Amino acid sequence: MAAIAPSFFERDWWSSCDYPERIMDQYFGMRLNEADLINPTLCGIHWVRPRIKTNIESSGLSEVKNDEKQFTVSLGMKQFRPEEIEVKIVDNYVIVQGVHEERSEESGFCSRNFSRCYALPIGCDAETVTSSFSLDGNLIIVASKKPIEEQSVEKRNISIIEDESKVVSDV
């Protein structure tokens, strides 16, 4: 009789490194596939089943870059049209929301919605935030950073006063 959950010793410890279950899995309500119900690393007793890389890439990746000149967020949004996405600034946060109403699909109806919130880093100018939607379904949000003004450095020497008393400590 097969166990419902895999045992401690059958676990592939490195699979989470290759395929982390974080923001890279953004299926936004896609239908389940038979393979989604099977343990991702085990088929049968000890057979390793490779994960399908195209499923991960097509799920919608999220990438955040923060360098000296700008803050950039790139979201894979193939499941949404530009008019279904809203980008706004609230209290120094960039909030991205997407909603599309119930649609007819092969096996029924589906509606999707999501919300992501990104804190603008220190130095970003909220007035310069722009967003664009590419033909391949990527939403790119860019915020320019204010130039860091060089602070004037004030130098002064501190004189050292010789003290003739001894410091006694109980050791």
N, C-alpha and C. Protein backbone atom coordinates (compact mmCIF):
# COMPACT_ATOMS: atom_id res chain seq x y z
N MET A 1 0.84 -1.17 0.00
CA MET A 1 0.00 0.00 0.00
C MET A 1 0.89 1.24 0.00
N ALA A 2 0.64 2.17 -0.89
CA ALA A 2 1.46 3.37 -1.02
C ALA A 2 1.10 4.38 0.06
N ALA A 3 2.10 5.08 0.52
CA ALA A 3 1.88 6.13 1.53
C ALA A 3 1.28 7.36 0.87
N ILE A 4 0.46 8.08 1.60
CA ILE A 4 -0.16 9.30 1.07
C ILE A 4 0.89 10.40 0.95
N ALA A 5 1.76 10.53 1.95
CA ALA A 5 2.82 11.55 1.93
C ALA A 5 4.15 10.84 1.77
N PRO A 6 5.09 11.45 1.02
CA PRO A 6 6.40 10.81 0.87
C PRO A 6 7.14 10.80 2.20
N SER A 7 7.97 9.78 2.37
CA SER A 7 8.69 9.68 3.64
C SER A 7 9.81 10.71 3.70
N PHE A 8 10.34 10.89 4.89
CA PHE A 8 11.41 11.84 5.15
C PHE A 8 12.64 11.55 4.28
N PHE A 9 12.95 10.27 4.09
CA PHE A 9 14.17 9.89 3.37
C PHE A 9 14.01 9.95 1.86
N GLU A 10 12.80 9.98 1.34
CA GLU A 10 12.58 10.04 -0.10
C GLU A 10 12.59 11.46 -0.64
N ARG A 11 12.66 12.45 0.21
CA ARG A 11 12.56 13.85 -0.20
C ARG A 11 13.81 14.29 -0.97
N ASP A 12 13.61 15.00 -2.07
CA ASP A 12 14.70 15.59 -2.83
C ASP A 12 15.01 16.96 -2.23
N TRP A 13 16.05 17.04 -1.44
CA TRP A 13 16.36 18.26 -0.69
C TRP A 13 16.73 19.43 -1.58
N TRP A 14 17.18 19.19 -2.79
CA TRP A 14 17.67 20.27 -3.65
C TRP A 14 16.64 20.77 -4.62
N SER A 15 15.47 20.16 -4.71
CA SER A 15 14.47 20.61 -5.68
C SER A 15 13.99 22.02 -5.39
N SER A 16 13.92 22.41 -4.12
CA SER A 16 13.46 23.76 -3.79
C SER A 16 14.49 24.80 -4.21
N CYS A 17 15.76 24.41 -4.36
CA CYS A 17 16.77 25.36 -4.83
C CYS A 17 16.61 25.62 -6.32
N ASP A 18 16.31 24.58 -7.09
CA ASP A 18 16.14 24.74 -8.53
C ASP A 18 14.81 25.39 -8.88
N TYR A 19 13.77 25.08 -8.13
CA TYR A 19 12.43 25.58 -8.42
C TYR A 19 11.78 26.11 -7.15
N PRO A 20 12.17 27.29 -6.69
CA PRO A 20 11.58 27.80 -5.45
C PRO A 20 10.10 28.10 -5.61
N GLU A 21 9.34 27.83 -4.56
CA GLU A 21 7.90 28.08 -4.59
C GLU A 21 7.63 29.44 -3.98
N ARG A 22 7.96 30.47 -4.71
CA ARG A 22 7.78 31.83 -4.24
C ARG A 22 7.07 32.62 -5.32
N ILE A 23 7.54 33.80 -5.53
CA ILE A 23 6.89 34.73 -6.44
C ILE A 23 7.00 34.28 -7.90
N MET A 24 7.82 33.24 -8.16
CA MET A 24 7.97 32.80 -9.54
C MET A 24 6.81 31.90 -9.97
N ASP A 25 5.96 31.45 -9.05
CA ASP A 25 4.79 30.67 -9.42
C ASP A 25 3.57 31.55 -9.31
N GLN A 26 3.21 32.20 -10.42
CA GLN A 26 2.08 33.12 -10.43
C GLN A 26 1.05 32.65 -11.45
N TYR A 27 0.40 31.56 -11.17
CA TYR A 27 -0.54 31.02 -12.14
C TYR A 27 -1.86 31.78 -12.20
N PHE A 28 -2.15 32.63 -11.23
CA PHE A 28 -3.33 33.48 -11.24
C PHE A 28 -4.60 32.72 -11.62
N GLY A 29 -4.83 31.60 -11.00
CA GLY A 29 -6.09 30.88 -11.19
C GLY A 29 -6.13 29.97 -12.40
N MET A 30 -5.00 29.57 -12.94
CA MET A 30 -5.01 28.66 -14.08
C MET A 30 -5.50 27.29 -13.60
N ARG A 31 -6.09 26.54 -14.51
CA ARG A 31 -6.59 25.21 -14.16
C ARG A 31 -5.45 24.29 -13.74
N LEU A 32 -5.74 23.33 -12.85
CA LEU A 32 -4.75 22.37 -12.42
C LEU A 32 -4.50 21.35 -13.53
N ASN A 33 -3.27 20.96 -13.64
CA ASN A 33 -2.85 19.92 -14.55
C ASN A 33 -2.69 18.64 -13.73
N GLU A 34 -2.81 17.48 -14.35
CA GLU A 34 -2.62 16.22 -13.61
C GLU A 34 -1.27 16.19 -12.92
N ALA A 35 -0.24 16.71 -13.59
CA ALA A 35 1.12 16.69 -13.04
C ALA A 35 1.23 17.56 -11.79
N ASP A 36 0.36 18.55 -11.63
CA ASP A 36 0.40 19.40 -10.44
C ASP A 36 0.00 18.65 -9.18
N LEU A 37 -0.74 17.57 -9.32
CA LEU A 37 -1.22 16.81 -8.17
C LEU A 37 -0.23 15.74 -7.71
N ILE A 38 0.78 15.48 -8.51
CA ILE A 38 1.79 14.47 -8.17
C ILE A 38 2.95 15.18 -7.50
N ASN A 39 3.58 14.51 -6.54
CA ASN A 39 4.77 15.06 -5.90
C ASN A 39 5.75 15.46 -6.99
N PRO A 40 6.28 16.69 -7.01
CA PRO A 40 7.10 17.16 -8.12
C PRO A 40 8.39 16.40 -8.33
N THR A 41 8.90 15.71 -7.32
CA THR A 41 10.17 15.03 -7.50
C THR A 41 10.07 13.52 -7.56
N LEU A 42 8.93 12.96 -7.21
CA LEU A 42 8.83 11.51 -7.17
C LEU A 42 7.65 11.00 -7.98
N CYS A 43 7.90 10.01 -8.79
CA CYS A 43 6.84 9.26 -9.46
C CYS A 43 7.12 7.81 -9.14
N GLY A 44 6.14 7.09 -8.73
CA GLY A 44 6.39 5.72 -8.31
C GLY A 44 7.15 5.75 -7.00
N ILE A 45 8.07 4.83 -6.84
CA ILE A 45 8.78 4.74 -5.57
C ILE A 45 9.98 5.69 -5.53
N HIS A 46 10.92 5.56 -6.45
CA HIS A 46 12.12 6.40 -6.41
C HIS A 46 12.45 7.01 -7.76
N TRP A 47 11.52 7.10 -8.67
CA TRP A 47 11.79 7.68 -9.97
C TRP A 47 11.70 9.19 -9.89
N VAL A 48 12.68 9.84 -10.42
CA VAL A 48 12.66 11.31 -10.40
C VAL A 48 11.97 11.80 -11.66
N ARG A 49 10.99 12.68 -11.47
CA ARG A 49 10.26 13.25 -12.60
C ARG A 49 10.73 14.70 -12.77
N PRO A 50 11.30 15.07 -13.93
CA PRO A 50 11.75 16.44 -14.10
C PRO A 50 10.57 17.40 -14.18
N ARG A 51 10.72 18.60 -13.61
CA ARG A 51 9.67 19.61 -13.70
C ARG A 51 9.76 20.29 -15.05
N ILE A 52 8.65 20.74 -15.52
CA ILE A 52 8.60 21.35 -16.84
C ILE A 52 8.96 22.82 -16.71
N LYS A 53 10.10 23.21 -17.30
CA LYS A 53 10.58 24.58 -17.17
C LYS A 53 9.63 25.57 -17.84
N THR A 54 8.98 25.16 -18.92
CA THR A 54 8.09 26.09 -19.60
C THR A 54 6.91 26.47 -18.72
N ASN A 55 6.45 25.56 -17.85
CA ASN A 55 5.37 25.90 -16.93
C ASN A 55 5.79 27.01 -15.98
N ILE A 56 7.01 26.93 -15.48
CA ILE A 56 7.50 27.95 -14.55
C ILE A 56 7.64 29.28 -15.27
N GLU A 57 8.23 29.28 -16.47
CA GLU A 57 8.44 30.52 -17.20
C GLU A 57 7.13 31.15 -17.64
N SER A 58 6.15 30.33 -18.01
CA SER A 58 4.89 30.88 -18.49
C SER A 58 3.97 31.32 -17.36
N SER A 59 4.34 31.02 -16.11
CA SER A 59 3.48 31.38 -14.99
C SER A 59 3.55 32.86 -14.66
N GLY A 60 4.56 33.55 -15.10
CA GLY A 60 4.67 34.98 -14.83
C GLY A 60 5.74 35.26 -13.79
N LEU A 61 6.93 35.59 -14.24
CA LEU A 61 8.03 35.86 -13.32
C LEU A 61 7.98 37.30 -12.82
N SER A 62 8.50 37.52 -11.65
CA SER A 62 8.59 38.85 -11.06
C SER A 62 10.05 39.13 -10.74
N GLU A 63 10.54 40.28 -11.20
CA GLU A 63 11.94 40.62 -10.96
C GLU A 63 12.03 42.07 -10.49
N VAL A 64 12.80 42.29 -9.43
CA VAL A 64 12.97 43.63 -8.87
C VAL A 64 14.45 43.97 -8.94
N LYS A 65 14.77 45.16 -9.49
CA LYS A 65 16.15 45.65 -9.55
C LYS A 65 16.21 47.01 -8.89
N ASN A 66 17.24 47.20 -8.09
CA ASN A 66 17.42 48.47 -7.40
C ASN A 66 18.89 48.86 -7.51
N ASP A 67 19.20 49.82 -8.37
CA ASP A 67 20.58 50.27 -8.51
C ASP A 67 20.69 51.76 -8.18
N GLU A 68 21.82 52.36 -8.49
CA GLU A 68 22.05 53.76 -8.11
C GLU A 68 21.13 54.73 -8.85
N LYS A 69 20.74 54.39 -10.07
CA LYS A 69 19.98 55.33 -10.91
C LYS A 69 18.48 55.15 -10.86
N GLN A 70 18.01 53.88 -10.71
CA GLN A 70 16.57 53.65 -10.75
C GLN A 70 16.17 52.36 -10.04
N PHE A 71 14.88 52.29 -9.76
CA PHE A 71 14.23 51.13 -9.16
C PHE A 71 13.30 50.57 -10.23
N THR A 72 13.43 49.28 -10.55
CA THR A 72 12.66 48.67 -11.64
C THR A 72 11.98 47.40 -11.16
N VAL A 73 10.71 47.26 -11.51
CA VAL A 73 9.95 46.04 -11.25
C VAL A 73 9.46 45.53 -12.59
N SER A 74 9.69 44.25 -12.87
CA SER A 74 9.22 43.63 -14.10
C SER A 74 8.33 42.45 -13.72
N LEU A 75 7.09 42.46 -14.20
CA LEU A 75 6.12 41.40 -13.87
C LEU A 75 5.64 40.74 -15.15
N GLY A 76 5.64 39.42 -15.18
CA GLY A 76 5.05 38.69 -16.29
C GLY A 76 3.54 38.66 -16.13
N MET A 77 2.83 39.29 -17.05
CA MET A 77 1.38 39.45 -16.92
C MET A 77 0.65 38.96 -18.18
N LYS A 78 1.05 37.82 -18.71
CA LYS A 78 0.46 37.32 -19.95
C LYS A 78 -1.04 37.04 -19.83
N GLN A 79 -1.52 36.77 -18.62
CA GLN A 79 -2.93 36.44 -18.45
C GLN A 79 -3.83 37.67 -18.43
N PHE A 80 -3.26 38.88 -18.41
CA PHE A 80 -4.04 40.11 -18.30
C PHE A 80 -3.82 41.03 -19.49
N ARG A 81 -4.81 41.84 -19.78
CA ARG A 81 -4.69 42.90 -20.78
C ARG A 81 -4.33 44.19 -20.04
N PRO A 82 -3.72 45.16 -20.73
CA PRO A 82 -3.32 46.41 -20.05
C PRO A 82 -4.47 47.13 -19.36
N GLU A 83 -5.66 47.09 -19.93
CA GLU A 83 -6.80 47.79 -19.31
C GLU A 83 -7.30 47.09 -18.04
N GLU A 84 -6.83 45.87 -17.77
CA GLU A 84 -7.22 45.14 -16.57
C GLU A 84 -6.23 45.34 -15.41
N ILE A 85 -5.18 46.13 -15.65
CA ILE A 85 -4.12 46.33 -14.66
C ILE A 85 -4.13 47.77 -14.19
N GLU A 86 -3.95 47.97 -12.89
CA GLU A 86 -3.88 49.31 -12.32
C GLU A 86 -2.58 49.43 -11.51
N VAL A 87 -1.84 50.52 -11.75
CA VAL A 87 -0.61 50.80 -11.02
C VAL A 87 -0.82 52.14 -10.33
N LYS A 88 -0.60 52.17 -9.00
CA LYS A 88 -0.78 53.43 -8.27
C LYS A 88 0.26 53.55 -7.16
N ILE A 89 0.45 54.79 -6.69
CA ILE A 89 1.37 55.07 -5.59
C ILE A 89 0.52 55.44 -4.38
N VAL A 90 0.75 54.75 -3.26
CA VAL A 90 0.06 55.06 -2.01
C VAL A 90 1.10 55.02 -0.89
N ASP A 91 1.31 56.17 -0.24
CA ASP A 91 2.25 56.26 0.89
C ASP A 91 3.62 55.66 0.58
N ASN A 92 4.20 56.06 -0.52
CA ASN A 92 5.53 55.62 -0.94
C ASN A 92 5.60 54.12 -1.26
N TYR A 93 4.48 53.53 -1.61
CA TYR A 93 4.42 52.15 -2.07
C TYR A 93 3.85 52.14 -3.49
N VAL A 94 4.41 51.28 -4.34
CA VAL A 94 3.84 51.05 -5.66
C VAL A 94 2.92 49.85 -5.53
N ILE A 95 1.65 50.05 -5.84
CA ILE A 95 0.67 48.97 -5.73
C ILE A 95 0.21 48.60 -7.13
N VAL A 96 0.34 47.33 -7.46
CA VAL A 96 -0.08 46.82 -8.77
C VAL A 96 -1.24 45.88 -8.53
N GLN A 97 -2.36 46.15 -9.20
CA GLN A 97 -3.55 45.30 -9.07
C GLN A 97 -4.05 44.93 -10.45
N GLY A 98 -4.52 43.72 -10.55
CA GLY A 98 -5.09 43.25 -11.81
C GLY A 98 -6.36 42.48 -11.55
N VAL A 99 -7.36 42.73 -12.36
CA VAL A 99 -8.64 42.04 -12.23
C VAL A 99 -9.20 41.82 -13.62
N HIS A 100 -9.59 40.60 -13.92
CA HIS A 100 -10.47 40.44 -15.07
C HIS A 100 -11.64 39.56 -14.68
N GLU A 101 -12.74 39.99 -15.18
CA GLU A 101 -14.02 39.39 -14.80
C GLU A 101 -14.14 37.98 -15.35
N GLU A 102 -15.20 37.34 -14.99
CA GLU A 102 -15.45 35.97 -15.37
C GLU A 102 -15.43 35.81 -16.88
N ARG A 103 -14.62 34.85 -17.34
CA ARG A 103 -14.51 34.55 -18.77
C ARG A 103 -14.83 33.08 -18.99
N SER A 104 -15.34 32.80 -20.15
CA SER A 104 -15.62 31.42 -20.52
C SER A 104 -14.35 30.76 -21.02
N GLU A 105 -14.05 29.56 -20.50
CA GLU A 105 -12.91 28.79 -20.96
C GLU A 105 -13.41 27.42 -21.37
N GLU A 106 -12.48 26.53 -21.77
CA GLU A 106 -12.84 25.20 -22.25
C GLU A 106 -13.73 24.43 -21.28
N SER A 107 -13.36 24.46 -20.00
CA SER A 107 -14.08 23.61 -19.04
C SER A 107 -14.96 24.39 -18.08
N GLY A 108 -15.20 25.67 -18.35
CA GLY A 108 -16.05 26.43 -17.45
C GLY A 108 -15.72 27.90 -17.50
N PHE A 109 -15.86 28.56 -16.35
CA PHE A 109 -15.61 29.99 -16.26
C PHE A 109 -14.44 30.25 -15.32
N CYS A 110 -13.76 31.34 -15.55
CA CYS A 110 -12.61 31.69 -14.73
C CYS A 110 -12.54 33.20 -14.55
N SER A 111 -12.26 33.66 -13.33
CA SER A 111 -11.97 35.07 -13.09
C SER A 111 -10.68 35.12 -12.30
N ARG A 112 -9.86 36.13 -12.57
CA ARG A 112 -8.56 36.25 -11.92
C ARG A 112 -8.41 37.63 -11.30
N ASN A 113 -7.70 37.68 -10.18
CA ASN A 113 -7.30 38.97 -9.62
C ASN A 113 -6.04 38.76 -8.79
N PHE A 114 -5.25 39.82 -8.67
CA PHE A 114 -4.03 39.76 -7.89
C PHE A 114 -3.70 41.16 -7.39
N SER A 115 -2.79 41.22 -6.44
CA SER A 115 -2.32 42.50 -5.92
C SER A 115 -0.88 42.31 -5.47
N ARG A 116 0.00 43.23 -5.86
CA ARG A 116 1.39 43.22 -5.43
C ARG A 116 1.70 44.62 -4.89
N CYS A 117 2.54 44.66 -3.87
CA CYS A 117 2.90 45.93 -3.24
C CYS A 117 4.42 45.98 -3.11
N TYR A 118 5.03 47.05 -3.62
CA TYR A 118 6.48 47.23 -3.57
C TYR A 118 6.79 48.56 -2.89
N ALA A 119 7.64 48.54 -1.86
CA ALA A 119 8.06 49.77 -1.18
C ALA A 119 9.09 50.47 -2.04
N LEU A 120 8.88 51.76 -2.28
CA LEU A 120 9.88 52.54 -3.01
C LEU A 120 11.11 52.71 -2.12
N PRO A 121 12.29 52.41 -2.62
CA PRO A 121 13.51 52.57 -1.81
C PRO A 121 13.77 54.05 -1.51
N ILE A 122 14.57 54.29 -0.50
CA ILE A 122 14.95 55.65 -0.13
C ILE A 122 15.67 56.28 -1.32
N GLY A 123 15.31 57.49 -1.64
CA GLY A 123 15.94 58.20 -2.75
C GLY A 123 15.13 58.17 -4.03
N CYS A 124 14.09 57.33 -4.10
CA CYS A 124 13.24 57.27 -5.30
C CYS A 124 12.26 58.43 -5.28
N ASP A 125 12.06 59.00 -6.44
CA ASP A 125 11.11 60.11 -6.58
C ASP A 125 9.79 59.52 -7.04
N ALA A 126 8.77 59.56 -6.19
CA ALA A 126 7.46 58.97 -6.50
C ALA A 126 6.81 59.64 -7.72
N GLU A 127 7.18 60.88 -8.00
CA GLU A 127 6.61 61.61 -9.13
C GLU A 127 7.13 61.09 -10.48
N THR A 128 8.23 60.35 -10.48
CA THR A 128 8.82 59.87 -11.73
C THR A 128 8.43 58.43 -12.06
N VAL A 129 7.56 57.82 -11.30
CA VAL A 129 7.18 56.43 -11.54
C VAL A 129 6.40 56.33 -12.85
N THR A 130 6.86 55.43 -13.72
CA THR A 130 6.18 55.16 -15.00
C THR A 130 5.97 53.66 -15.13
N SER A 131 4.99 53.28 -15.94
CA SER A 131 4.76 51.87 -16.21
C SER A 131 4.50 51.68 -17.69
N SER A 132 4.92 50.53 -18.21
CA SER A 132 4.67 50.21 -19.62
C SER A 132 4.36 48.72 -19.72
N PHE A 133 3.57 48.37 -20.72
CA PHE A 133 3.15 46.98 -20.93
C PHE A 133 3.65 46.56 -22.31
N SER A 134 4.54 45.57 -22.36
CA SER A 134 5.12 45.15 -23.63
C SER A 134 4.20 44.18 -24.37
N LEU A 135 4.46 43.97 -25.64
CA LEU A 135 3.65 43.07 -26.46
C LEU A 135 3.72 41.62 -25.99
N ASP A 136 4.84 41.24 -25.36
CA ASP A 136 4.97 39.86 -24.88
C ASP A 136 4.40 39.67 -23.47
N GLY A 137 3.69 40.67 -22.93
CA GLY A 137 2.97 40.51 -21.68
C GLY A 137 3.74 40.87 -20.42
N ASN A 138 4.78 41.69 -20.53
CA ASN A 138 5.53 42.10 -19.36
C ASN A 138 5.16 43.52 -18.96
N LEU A 139 4.86 43.70 -17.69
CA LEU A 139 4.61 45.03 -17.13
C LEU A 139 5.90 45.49 -16.48
N ILE A 140 6.39 46.67 -16.91
CA ILE A 140 7.64 47.19 -16.38
C ILE A 140 7.35 48.52 -15.71
N ILE A 141 7.74 48.62 -14.43
CA ILE A 141 7.53 49.82 -13.63
C ILE A 141 8.91 50.37 -13.28
N VAL A 142 9.12 51.66 -13.55
CA VAL A 142 10.42 52.29 -13.32
C VAL A 142 10.24 53.55 -12.48
N ALA A 143 11.08 53.71 -11.46
CA ALA A 143 11.10 54.92 -10.64
C ALA A 143 12.54 55.44 -10.64
N SER A 144 12.71 56.70 -11.04
CA SER A 144 14.05 57.30 -11.03
C SER A 144 14.44 57.67 -9.62
N LYS A 145 15.75 57.67 -9.39
CA LYS A 145 16.24 58.07 -8.08
C LYS A 145 16.78 59.49 -8.15
N LYS A 146 16.62 60.20 -7.07
CA LYS A 146 17.16 61.55 -6.97
C LYS A 146 18.68 61.44 -6.83
N PRO A 147 19.43 62.35 -7.47
CA PRO A 147 20.88 62.28 -7.31
C PRO A 147 21.27 62.59 -5.87
N ILE A 148 22.21 61.83 -5.38
CA ILE A 148 22.68 62.04 -4.02
C ILE A 148 23.67 63.19 -4.03
N GLU A 149 23.34 64.22 -3.32
CA GLU A 149 24.22 65.38 -3.27
C GLU A 149 25.37 65.08 -2.30
N GLU A 150 26.54 65.45 -2.76
CA GLU A 150 27.70 65.21 -1.90
C GLU A 150 27.65 66.16 -0.71
N GLN A 151 27.78 65.58 0.43
CA GLN A 151 27.75 66.38 1.64
C GLN A 151 29.13 66.95 1.89
N SER A 152 29.17 68.20 2.34
CA SER A 152 30.47 68.79 2.65
C SER A 152 31.01 68.15 3.93
N VAL A 153 32.25 67.84 3.89
CA VAL A 153 32.89 67.18 5.02
C VAL A 153 33.61 68.23 5.83
N GLU A 154 33.27 68.33 7.09
CA GLU A 154 33.91 69.29 7.97
C GLU A 154 34.95 68.55 8.79
N LYS A 155 36.17 69.07 8.78
CA LYS A 155 37.25 68.43 9.52
C LYS A 155 37.68 69.34 10.65
N ARG A 156 38.00 68.72 11.76
CA ARG A 156 38.62 69.45 12.86
C ARG A 156 39.43 68.47 13.68
N ASN A 157 40.50 68.95 14.23
CA ASN A 157 41.37 68.13 15.06
C ASN A 157 40.90 68.20 16.51
N ILE A 158 40.98 67.11 17.20
CA ILE A 158 40.63 67.02 18.60
C ILE A 158 41.94 66.88 19.38
N SER A 159 42.17 67.76 20.29
CA SER A 159 43.41 67.68 21.07
C SER A 159 43.28 66.63 22.17
N ILE A 160 44.39 66.04 22.48
CA ILE A 160 44.43 65.01 23.52
C ILE A 160 45.04 65.64 24.77
N ILE A 161 44.33 65.54 25.86
CA ILE A 161 44.79 66.10 27.13
C ILE A 161 45.37 64.96 27.96
N GLU A 162 46.56 65.18 28.45
CA GLU A 162 47.18 64.17 29.30
C GLU A 162 46.62 64.28 30.71
N ASP A 163 46.18 63.17 31.23
CA ASP A 163 45.64 63.13 32.58
C ASP A 163 46.63 62.37 33.45
N GLU A 164 47.02 62.95 34.57
CA GLU A 164 48.04 62.35 35.41
C GLU A 164 47.45 61.35 36.41
N SER A 165 46.16 61.27 36.53
CA SER A 165 45.57 60.30 37.46
C SER A 165 45.56 58.92 36.82
N LYS A 166 45.61 57.91 37.70
CA LYS A 166 45.61 56.52 37.22
C LYS A 166 44.21 55.96 37.30
N VAL A 167 43.90 55.12 36.37
CA VAL A 167 42.62 54.43 36.37
C VAL A 167 42.84 53.11 37.09
N VAL A 168 42.08 52.90 38.18
CA VAL A 168 42.22 51.67 38.95
C VAL A 168 40.95 50.85 38.73
N SER A 169 41.16 49.62 38.43
CA SER A 169 39.99 48.75 38.25
C SER A 169 40.18 47.49 39.07
N ASP A 170 39.10 47.00 39.59
CA ASP A 170 39.13 45.75 40.35
C ASP A 170 38.97 44.61 39.38
N VAL A 171 40.03 43.84 39.25
CA VAL A 171 39.98 42.73 38.32
C VAL A 171 40.03 41.43 39.05
